[in-house]
Amino acid sequence: MSSGSRLVHIVDERPDLVGTSELSMVVALHGFLDAGSAGVSAATHLESLREGKVVATFDVDQFHDYRARRPAVSFVQDHYERYDAPRLVVRVHRDSAGTPYLLLRGPEPDNRWEAFCEAVREVVEQIGVTRVVQVGAVPMAVPHTRPIAITPHANRPELLTTQSPWRGELRVPASAQALLELRLGEWGHDSLGYVAHVPHYLAQLDYPKAALALLEQVERGGRLTIDLTALRAQAEERELEISRYLEANAEVAAVVAGLEQQYDAFQQAEQSGANLLADEEPLPTGEEIGRQFEQFLAGLDQPDPGRPDSGRED
């Protein structure tokens, strides 16, 4: 694994893990699989609970396409400062019961996926990770008024903690996370994960309800106990904000109502053994959804004099 050693620096091979027989590593990479910023929000919540010590750092220059995803830098009057350098780091944290776990977070690599997997393998083997738990989120034509659906995945069936809503084979765009799970399985390491289905009209916003659903699954899959109180409060506040907006915008509410009907038809079809896609219930047109999507984002991101919370900063 010489290629991996050049791409990752392990600061501490056994970071206060005396007596630990199992060690989970949560992976939250933002970019492709982060609709609603669900993965970022989940990782941020975990880091807010307890400060974690850095145990490994990746050479992000080897993975990041700076022209495609330009980091921010502050320009103050006549000079630059506060450059937000992208970072791929692994920290050790402890859950509510004191159980240690690792958190790998940062931007999804734009290139050299195989080398990235080798580097993660080095972290797994040198620090003694027994299972990798990944989180992600994708936009779906689902309403926010229904429970967040989760697609579980794992490189061994025994690792699955919930049933997948899909049947048969789906061909989807690959991701670094997907390749990592495949490679870890080939190398004899357990890896599982969860993908939240985020309402497509909220995919560009911070949607803590999806992050909450992901961490509830991480508790099961990673055998951890996580204090979700603050995240649950954030999710409830966002839901109230969305509800206020819909009450004042009947046209957008009508599109959401159509998605509710479609979602309920899906559920009924699945329970009866029919096609999950419920062909007799067509999707709203792309033009209609796109128009309402833009209006929805504008309404939530900009102050609205008609909203009770107008002018308040989140």
Protein backbone atom coordinates (compact mmCIF):
# COMPACT_ATOMS: atom_id res chain seq x y z
CA MET A 1 0.00 0.00 0.00
CA SER A 2 2.82 2.38 -0.76
CA SER A 3 0.48 4.54 -2.88
CA GLY A 4 -1.77 5.09 0.11
CA SER A 5 1.06 6.07 2.46
CA ARG A 6 1.96 9.02 0.23
CA LEU A 7 -1.61 10.29 0.30
CA VAL A 8 -2.50 9.97 3.97
CA HIS A 9 -0.56 10.81 7.11
CA ILE A 10 -1.58 8.86 10.20
CA VAL A 11 -0.94 11.06 13.22
CA ASP A 12 -1.94 8.55 15.90
CA GLU A 13 -2.34 4.83 15.18
CA ARG A 14 -4.12 4.01 18.48
CA PRO A 15 -5.76 7.23 19.70
CA ASP A 16 -6.85 6.38 23.25
CA LEU A 17 -8.54 3.13 22.22
CA VAL A 18 -7.33 0.86 25.02
CA GLY A 19 -9.81 -1.95 25.57
CA THR A 20 -11.80 -1.17 22.42
CA SER A 21 -12.74 -4.33 20.52
CA GLU A 22 -14.93 -2.62 17.92
CA LEU A 23 -14.30 0.70 16.20
CA SER A 24 -16.65 2.32 13.69
CA MET A 25 -15.58 5.01 11.26
CA VAL A 26 -18.31 7.31 9.97
CA VAL A 27 -17.62 8.72 6.49
CA ALA A 28 -19.37 11.93 5.43
CA LEU A 29 -18.08 13.37 2.14
CA HIS A 30 -19.77 16.43 0.70
CA GLY A 31 -20.32 16.93 -2.98
CA PHE A 32 -22.17 14.46 -5.18
CA LEU A 33 -24.11 12.58 -2.47
CA ASP A 34 -25.06 15.49 -0.24
CA ALA A 35 -28.54 16.71 -1.19
CA GLY A 36 -29.90 19.04 1.47
CA SER A 37 -26.38 19.19 2.93
CA ALA A 38 -27.46 16.15 4.89
CA GLY A 39 -24.01 14.58 5.15
CA VAL A 40 -22.32 17.86 6.05
CA SER A 41 -24.98 18.61 8.65
CA ALA A 42 -24.65 15.14 10.15
CA ALA A 43 -20.86 15.49 10.42
CA THR A 44 -21.12 19.01 11.82
CA HIS A 45 -23.53 17.80 14.48
CA LEU A 46 -21.19 14.99 15.50
CA GLU A 47 -18.31 17.44 15.78
CA SER A 48 -20.40 19.86 17.83
CA LEU A 49 -21.00 17.27 20.55
CA ARG A 50 -17.36 16.78 21.52
CA GLU A 51 -14.12 18.13 20.14
CA GLY A 52 -12.21 15.39 18.37
CA LYS A 53 -8.49 14.89 17.97
CA VAL A 54 -7.12 14.60 14.43
CA VAL A 55 -5.69 11.12 13.87
CA ALA A 56 -5.17 11.17 10.09
CA THR A 57 -4.95 13.75 7.31
CA PHE A 58 -5.18 13.22 3.55
CA ASP A 59 -3.15 15.10 0.93
CA VAL A 60 -6.18 16.92 -0.44
CA ASP A 61 -4.13 18.46 -3.28
CA GLN A 62 -3.99 14.99 -4.83
CA PHE A 63 -7.78 14.65 -4.91
CA HIS A 64 -9.33 18.10 -5.27
CA ASP A 65 -10.17 19.92 -8.52
CA TYR A 66 -9.77 23.54 -7.45
CA ARG A 67 -11.14 24.96 -10.70
CA ALA A 68 -14.32 22.91 -10.48
CA ARG A 69 -14.89 23.58 -6.76
CA ARG A 70 -13.11 26.78 -5.85
CA PRO A 71 -12.54 27.35 -2.12
CA ALA A 72 -13.56 30.70 -0.68
CA VAL A 73 -11.12 33.40 0.38
CA SER A 74 -11.94 36.70 2.07
CA PHE A 75 -10.86 39.97 0.47
CA VAL A 76 -10.61 42.65 3.16
CA GLN A 77 -10.27 46.20 1.77
CA ASP A 78 -6.87 45.71 0.10
CA HIS A 79 -5.69 42.18 0.93
CA TYR A 80 -6.70 38.52 1.00
CA GLU A 81 -7.11 36.54 4.20
CA ARG A 82 -9.02 33.61 5.71
CA TYR A 83 -8.58 31.09 2.92
CA ASP A 84 -10.98 28.17 3.43
CA ALA A 85 -8.69 25.35 2.39
CA PRO A 86 -10.45 22.05 1.66
CA ARG A 87 -9.52 19.36 4.16
CA LEU A 88 -9.97 15.60 4.32
CA VAL A 89 -9.35 14.58 7.91
CA VAL A 90 -10.12 11.77 10.33
CA ARG A 91 -10.87 12.63 13.95
CA VAL A 92 -11.56 10.43 16.93
CA HIS A 93 -14.76 11.21 18.85
CA ARG A 94 -16.76 9.58 21.62
CA ASP A 95 -20.50 9.05 21.65
CA SER A 96 -22.89 9.73 24.55
CA ALA A 97 -21.87 6.48 26.24
CA GLY A 98 -18.15 7.19 25.86
CA THR A 99 -17.66 4.75 23.01
CA PRO A 100 -14.90 5.94 20.64
CA TYR A 101 -15.45 6.19 16.90
CA LEU A 102 -13.75 7.90 13.98
CA LEU A 103 -15.19 10.55 11.67
CA LEU A 104 -13.81 11.04 8.16
CA ARG A 105 -15.18 14.19 6.58
CA GLY A 106 -14.32 16.56 3.75
CA PRO A 107 -14.98 17.01 0.03
CA GLU A 108 -15.50 13.92 -2.11
CA PRO A 109 -12.34 13.37 -4.18
CA ASP A 110 -12.68 14.69 -7.72
CA ASN A 111 -10.08 12.26 -9.04
CA ARG A 112 -7.79 9.35 -8.07
CA TRP A 113 -10.61 7.38 -6.48
CA GLU A 114 -8.64 4.15 -6.41
CA ALA A 115 -5.76 5.88 -4.63
CA PHE A 116 -8.22 7.42 -2.18
CA CYS A 117 -9.63 3.98 -1.39
CA GLU A 118 -6.11 2.68 -0.77
CA ALA A 119 -5.46 5.58 1.58
CA VAL A 120 -8.66 4.91 3.52
CA ARG A 121 -7.68 1.24 3.67
CA GLU A 122 -4.43 2.27 5.34
CA VAL A 123 -6.37 4.20 8.00
CA VAL A 124 -8.72 1.26 8.55
CA GLU A 125 -5.93 -1.27 8.96
CA GLN A 126 -3.46 0.78 10.95
CA ILE A 127 -5.94 2.22 13.43
CA GLY A 128 -8.04 -0.94 13.68
CA VAL A 129 -11.41 0.12 12.27
CA THR A 130 -13.86 -2.80 12.34
CA ARG A 131 -16.63 -1.23 10.27
CA VAL A 132 -17.04 1.79 8.01
CA VAL A 133 -20.41 3.55 8.03
CA GLN A 134 -21.09 6.00 5.20
CA VAL A 135 -23.82 8.63 4.92
CA GLY A 136 -25.18 10.39 1.87
CA ALA A 137 -28.32 11.93 0.37
CA VAL A 138 -29.88 12.23 -3.07
CA PRO A 139 -32.74 14.40 -4.39
CA MET A 140 -35.97 12.51 -5.04
CA ALA A 141 -39.50 13.41 -6.15
CA VAL A 142 -40.89 12.95 -2.65
CA PRO A 143 -42.80 15.34 -0.37
CA HIS A 144 -41.26 16.73 2.82
CA THR A 145 -44.49 15.91 4.68
CA ARG A 146 -43.71 12.19 4.66
CA PRO A 147 -40.99 10.29 6.56
CA ILE A 148 -37.49 10.45 5.10
CA ALA A 149 -36.92 7.25 3.14
CA ILE A 150 -33.52 5.58 3.49
CA THR A 151 -31.67 3.36 1.05
CA PRO A 152 -29.31 1.10 3.01
CA HIS A 153 -26.32 -0.61 1.42
CA ALA A 154 -23.50 -2.86 2.61
CA ASN A 155 -20.77 -5.09 1.25
CA ARG A 156 -22.18 -8.02 3.28
CA PRO A 157 -25.92 -8.76 3.67
CA GLU A 158 -25.43 -9.42 7.39
CA LEU A 159 -24.51 -5.76 7.92
CA LEU A 160 -27.84 -4.38 6.70
CA THR A 161 -29.96 -2.92 9.49
CA THR A 162 -33.04 -2.03 7.42
CA GLN A 163 -34.69 -3.20 4.21
CA SER A 164 -33.98 -1.52 0.89
CA PRO A 165 -36.98 0.06 -0.88
CA TRP A 166 -35.57 -0.99 -4.27
CA ARG A 167 -35.98 -4.22 -6.22
CA GLY A 168 -33.72 -5.46 -8.97
CA GLU A 169 -30.77 -3.57 -10.43
CA LEU A 170 -30.39 0.17 -10.84
CA ARG A 171 -27.60 1.74 -12.89
CA VAL A 172 -26.61 4.98 -11.19
CA PRO A 173 -23.64 7.36 -11.43
CA ALA A 174 -20.72 6.12 -9.38
CA SER A 175 -19.23 7.96 -6.42
CA ALA A 176 -16.06 7.71 -4.39
CA GLN A 177 -18.18 6.35 -1.54
CA ALA A 178 -19.63 3.58 -3.69
CA LEU A 179 -16.19 2.53 -4.90
CA LEU A 180 -14.84 2.65 -1.34
CA GLU A 181 -17.49 0.20 -0.17
CA LEU A 182 -16.73 -2.16 -3.05
CA ARG A 183 -12.99 -2.07 -2.47
CA LEU A 184 -13.24 -2.48 1.29
CA GLY A 185 -15.32 -5.60 0.71
CA GLU A 186 -12.67 -6.99 -1.63
CA TRP A 187 -10.05 -6.33 1.06
CA GLY A 188 -12.08 -8.08 3.75
CA HIS A 189 -13.33 -5.00 5.62
CA ASP A 190 -16.96 -4.41 6.59
CA SER A 191 -18.62 -1.33 5.11
CA LEU A 192 -22.22 -0.21 5.13
CA GLY A 193 -24.07 3.02 4.60
CA TYR A 194 -27.29 4.94 4.26
CA VAL A 195 -28.60 7.31 1.60
CA ALA A 196 -31.44 9.64 2.55
CA HIS A 197 -34.09 10.60 -0.01
CA VAL A 198 -34.35 14.41 0.12
CA PRO A 199 -37.30 16.24 -1.49
CA HIS A 200 -35.87 17.57 -4.74
CA TYR A 201 -37.25 21.06 -4.12
CA LEU A 202 -35.20 21.23 -0.89
CA ALA A 203 -32.00 19.69 -2.24
CA GLN A 204 -30.16 23.03 -2.42
CA LEU A 205 -31.07 24.03 1.14
CA ASP A 206 -29.82 22.82 4.49
CA TYR A 207 -32.37 20.16 5.40
CA PRO A 208 -31.64 18.91 8.94
CA LYS A 209 -34.52 16.42 8.86
CA ALA A 210 -32.46 14.31 6.43
CA ALA A 211 -29.32 14.61 8.58
CA LEU A 212 -31.37 13.49 11.58
CA ALA A 213 -32.67 10.44 9.70
CA LEU A 214 -29.11 9.52 8.67
CA LEU A 215 -27.71 9.75 12.20
CA GLU A 216 -30.57 7.65 13.53
CA GLN A 217 -29.41 4.95 11.14
CA VAL A 218 -25.74 5.51 12.03
CA GLU A 219 -26.64 4.75 15.64
CA ARG A 220 -27.86 1.32 14.54
CA GLY A 221 -25.26 0.54 11.92
CA GLY A 222 -22.32 1.95 13.87
CA ARG A 223 -23.52 0.70 17.28
CA LEU A 224 -23.29 4.19 18.70
CA THR A 225 -25.41 6.39 20.97
CA ILE A 226 -25.71 9.94 19.68
CA ASP A 227 -27.39 12.91 21.34
CA LEU A 228 -29.68 14.20 18.59
CA THR A 229 -31.54 16.81 20.67
CA ALA A 230 -30.09 19.90 18.97
CA LEU A 231 -30.40 18.45 15.47
CA ARG A 232 -34.00 17.44 16.12
CA ALA A 233 -34.78 21.01 17.19
CA GLN A 234 -33.18 22.35 14.00
CA ALA A 235 -35.26 19.94 11.92
CA GLU A 236 -38.49 21.01 13.63
CA GLU A 237 -37.68 24.68 13.12
CA ARG A 238 -37.02 24.14 9.40
CA GLU A 239 -40.28 22.21 9.01
CA LEU A 240 -42.21 25.08 10.59
CA GLU A 241 -40.52 27.54 8.25
CA ILE A 242 -41.48 25.45 5.24
CA SER A 243 -45.07 25.11 6.46
CA ARG A 244 -45.40 28.88 6.86
CA TYR A 245 -44.14 29.40 3.35
CA LEU A 246 -46.57 26.87 1.86
CA GLU A 247 -49.49 28.48 3.66
CA ALA A 248 -48.68 31.74 1.89
CA ASN A 249 -47.95 30.19 -1.53
CA ALA A 250 -50.84 28.08 -2.79
CA GLU A 251 -49.22 27.26 -6.14
CA VAL A 252 -46.20 25.65 -4.50
CA ALA A 253 -48.44 23.90 -1.98
CA ALA A 254 -50.37 22.36 -4.88
CA VAL A 255 -47.20 20.78 -6.28
CA VAL A 256 -46.33 19.38 -2.85
CA ALA A 257 -49.88 17.98 -2.58
CA GLY A 258 -49.37 16.23 -5.91
CA LEU A 259 -46.17 14.67 -4.62
CA GLU A 260 -48.04 13.52 -1.51
CA GLN A 261 -50.61 11.73 -3.67
CA GLN A 262 -47.87 10.13 -5.71
CA TYR A 263 -45.93 9.05 -2.61
CA ASP A 264 -49.05 7.48 -1.05
CA ALA A 265 -49.73 5.65 -4.31
CA PHE A 266 -46.19 4.27 -4.22
CA GLN A 267 -46.71 2.99 -0.69
CA GLN A 268 -50.03 1.37 -1.53
CA ALA A 269 -48.55 -0.23 -4.65
CA GLU A 270 -45.65 -1.69 -2.71
CA GLN A 271 -47.88 -3.06 0.04
CA SER A 272 -50.09 -4.74 -2.55
CA GLY A 273 -47.09 -6.13 -4.43
CA ALA A 274 -47.63 -3.93 -7.47
CA ASN A 275 -44.97 -1.91 -9.30
CA LEU A 276 -43.25 0.47 -6.89
CA LEU A 277 -43.27 3.18 -9.56
CA ALA A 278 -47.10 3.24 -9.68
CA ASP A 279 -47.28 3.99 -13.40
CA GLU A 280 -50.88 5.18 -13.18
CA GLU A 281 -49.70 8.14 -11.07
CA PRO A 282 -47.61 10.39 -13.35
CA LEU A 283 -44.98 12.75 -12.01
CA PRO A 284 -45.58 16.50 -12.26
CA THR A 285 -43.94 17.84 -15.41
CA GLY A 286 -40.29 18.88 -15.27
CA GLU A 287 -41.25 22.44 -16.24
CA GLU A 288 -43.77 22.69 -13.42
CA ILE A 289 -41.40 21.29 -10.80
CA GLY A 290 -38.54 23.45 -12.02
CA ARG A 291 -40.63 26.61 -11.83
CA GLN A 292 -41.90 25.85 -8.34
CA PHE A 293 -38.44 24.73 -7.25
CA GLU A 294 -36.95 28.14 -8.08
CA GLN A 295 -39.81 29.94 -6.37
CA PHE A 296 -39.52 27.73 -3.30
CA LEU A 297 -35.79 28.37 -2.90
CA ALA A 298 -36.22 32.10 -3.40
CA GLY A 299 -38.96 32.20 -0.81
CA LEU A 300 -36.98 30.38 1.87
CA ASP A 301 -33.63 32.05 1.29
CA GLN A 302 -34.86 35.65 1.08
CA PRO A 303 -36.79 37.71 3.64
CA ASP A 304 -40.54 37.73 3.03
CA PRO A 305 -42.54 40.52 4.73
CA GLY A 306 -45.52 38.16 4.91
CA ARG A 307 -43.67 35.51 6.89
CA PRO A 308 -43.74 35.56 10.71
CA ASP A 309 -40.00 34.91 10.88
CA SER A 310 -39.05 37.57 8.28
CA GLY A 311 -35.75 39.22 9.01
CA ARG A 312 -34.64 36.52 11.44
CA GLU A 313 -31.27 34.92 10.84
CA ASP A 314 -31.11 31.14 11.12
